[in-house]
C-alpha atoms as a PDB file:
ATOM      1  CA  UNK A   1      -0.054  -0.016  -0.018  1.00  0.00           C
ATOM      2  CA  UNK A   2       2.723   2.415   0.879  1.00  0.00           C
ATOM      3  CA  UNK A   3       4.584   1.939  -2.428  1.00  0.00           C
ATOM      4  CA  UNK A   4       1.325   2.502  -4.326  1.00  0.00           C
ATOM      5  CA  UNK A   5       0.741   5.722  -2.473  1.00  0.00           C
ATOM      6  CA  UNK A   6       4.282   6.923  -3.046  1.00  0.00           C
ATOM      7  CA  UNK A   7       4.053   6.028  -6.718  1.00  0.00           C
ATOM      8  CA  UNK A   8       0.789   7.950  -7.080  1.00  0.00           C
ATOM      9  CA  UNK A   9       2.341  10.959  -5.274  1.00  0.00           C
ATOM     10  CA  UNK A  10       5.330  10.868  -7.631  1.00  0.00           C
ATOM     11  CA  UNK A  11       3.035  10.735 -10.659  1.00  0.00           C
ATOM     12  CA  UNK A  12       0.955  13.570  -9.310  1.00  0.00           C
ATOM     13  CA  UNK A  13       4.088  15.741  -8.706  1.00  0.00           C
ATOM     14  CA  UNK A  14       5.449  14.919 -12.159  1.00  0.00           C
ATOM     15  CA  UNK A  15       2.229  15.947 -13.827  1.00  0.00           C
ATOM     16  CA  UNK A  16       2.019  19.125 -11.761  1.00  0.00           C
ATOM     17  CA  UNK A  17       5.598  20.021 -12.629  1.00  0.00           C
ATOM     18  CA  UNK A  18       4.986  19.466 -16.339  1.00  0.00           C
ATOM     19  CA  UNK A  19       1.831  21.606 -16.175  1.00  0.00           C
ATOM     20  CA  UNK A  20       3.709  24.382 -14.471  1.00  0.00           C
ATOM     21  CA  UNK A  21       6.420  24.301 -17.132  1.00  0.00           C
ATOM     22  CA  UNK A  22       3.843  24.353 -19.893  1.00  0.00           C
ATOM     23  CA  UNK A  23       2.038  27.340 -18.301  1.00  0.00           C
ATOM     24  CA  UNK A  24       5.337  29.203 -18.025  1.00  0.00           C
ATOM     25  CA  UNK A  25       6.042  28.468 -21.631  1.00  0.00           C
ATOM     26  CA  UNK A  26       2.655  29.638 -22.726  1.00  0.00           C
ATOM     27  CA  UNK A  27       3.103  32.890 -20.825  1.00  0.00           C
ATOM     28  CA  UNK A  28       6.487  33.394 -22.433  1.00  0.00           C
ATOM     29  CA  UNK A  29       5.008  32.918 -25.900  1.00  0.00           C
ATOM     30  CA  UNK A  30       2.111  35.281 -25.142  1.00  0.00           C
ATOM     31  CA  UNK A  31       4.471  37.999 -23.872  1.00  0.00           C
ATOM     32  CA  UNK A  32       6.709  37.532 -26.849  1.00  0.00           C
ATOM     33  CA  UNK A  33       3.722  38.008 -29.154  1.00  0.00           C
ATOM     34  CA  UNK A  34       2.820  41.361 -27.534  1.00  0.00           C
ATOM     35  CA  UNK A  35       4.888  43.641 -29.775  1.00  0.00           C
ATOM     36  CA  UNK A  36       3.790  47.067 -30.797  1.00  0.00           C
ATOM     37  CA  UNK A  37       4.494  48.050 -34.388  1.00  0.00           C
ATOM     38  CA  UNK A  38       4.743  51.654 -35.589  1.00  0.00           C
ATOM     39  CA  UNK A  39       2.256  52.179 -38.365  1.00  0.00           C
ATOM     40  CA  UNK A  40       4.463  54.700 -40.113  1.00  0.00           C
ATOM     41  CA  UNK A  41       7.793  52.869 -40.310  1.00  0.00           C
ATOM     42  CA  UNK A  42       6.890  49.304 -39.151  1.00  0.00           C
ATOM     43  CA  UNK A  43       9.443  49.295 -36.296  1.00  0.00           C
ATOM     44  CA  UNK A  44       8.614  46.809 -33.597  1.00  0.00           C
ATOM     45  CA  UNK A  45       8.688  48.154 -30.041  1.00  0.00           C
ATOM     46  CA  UNK A  46       8.331  46.191 -26.787  1.00  0.00           C
ATOM     47  CA  UNK A  47       5.870  48.272 -24.745  1.00  0.00           C
ATOM     48  CA  UNK A  48       3.395  51.120 -25.132  1.00  0.00           C
ATOM     49  CA  UNK A  49       5.554  53.732 -23.421  1.00  0.00           C
ATOM     50  CA  UNK A  50       8.427  53.110 -25.815  1.00  0.00           C
ATOM     51  CA  UNK A  51       6.010  53.100 -28.687  1.00  0.00           C
ATOM     52  CA  UNK A  52       4.574  56.511 -27.668  1.00  0.00           C
ATOM     53  CA  UNK A  53       8.060  58.013 -27.260  1.00  0.00           C
ATOM     54  CA  UNK A  54       9.151  56.620 -30.619  1.00  0.00           C
ATOM     55  CA  UNK A  55       6.142  57.778 -32.414  1.00  0.00           C
ATOM     56  CA  UNK A  56       6.219  61.364 -30.968  1.00  0.00           C
ATOM     57  CA  UNK A  57       9.949  61.766 -31.661  1.00  0.00           C
ATOM     58  CA  UNK A  58      10.288  60.077 -35.083  1.00  0.00           C
ATOM     59  CA  UNK A  59       6.872  61.018 -36.602  1.00  0.00           C
ATOM     60  CA  UNK A  60       5.815  64.361 -35.100  1.00  0.00           C
ATOM     61  CA  UNK A  61       3.882  65.504 -38.232  1.00  0.00           C
ATOM     62  CA  UNK A  62       1.747  62.351 -38.460  1.00  0.00           C
ATOM     63  CA  UNK A  63      -1.791  63.186 -37.493  1.00  0.00           C
ATOM     64  CA  UNK A  64      -2.318  60.090 -35.307  1.00  0.00           C
ATOM     65  CA  UNK A  65       0.430  61.120 -32.895  1.00  0.00           C
ATOM     66  CA  UNK A  66      -2.093  63.157 -30.829  1.00  0.00           C
ATOM     67  CA  UNK A  67      -4.262  60.012 -30.302  1.00  0.00           C
ATOM     68  CA  UNK A  68      -1.587  57.894 -28.689  1.00  0.00           C
ATOM     69  CA  UNK A  69      -1.525  57.718 -24.955  1.00  0.00           C
END
């Protein structure tokens, strides 16, 4: 009985560990997919703050620069 219980606990921990690794991998892929692209020059930027600074400094005459933020 004890061996069966230990075996089941090992299986449970193994499945839990694999699920945690898969969740971490999925989060990594989701975060990697969140890239902001400048519509004027197609430059990819990592976050909205950087995107806003880039757009305001590189494309000040573009009419959509006032809508960002």
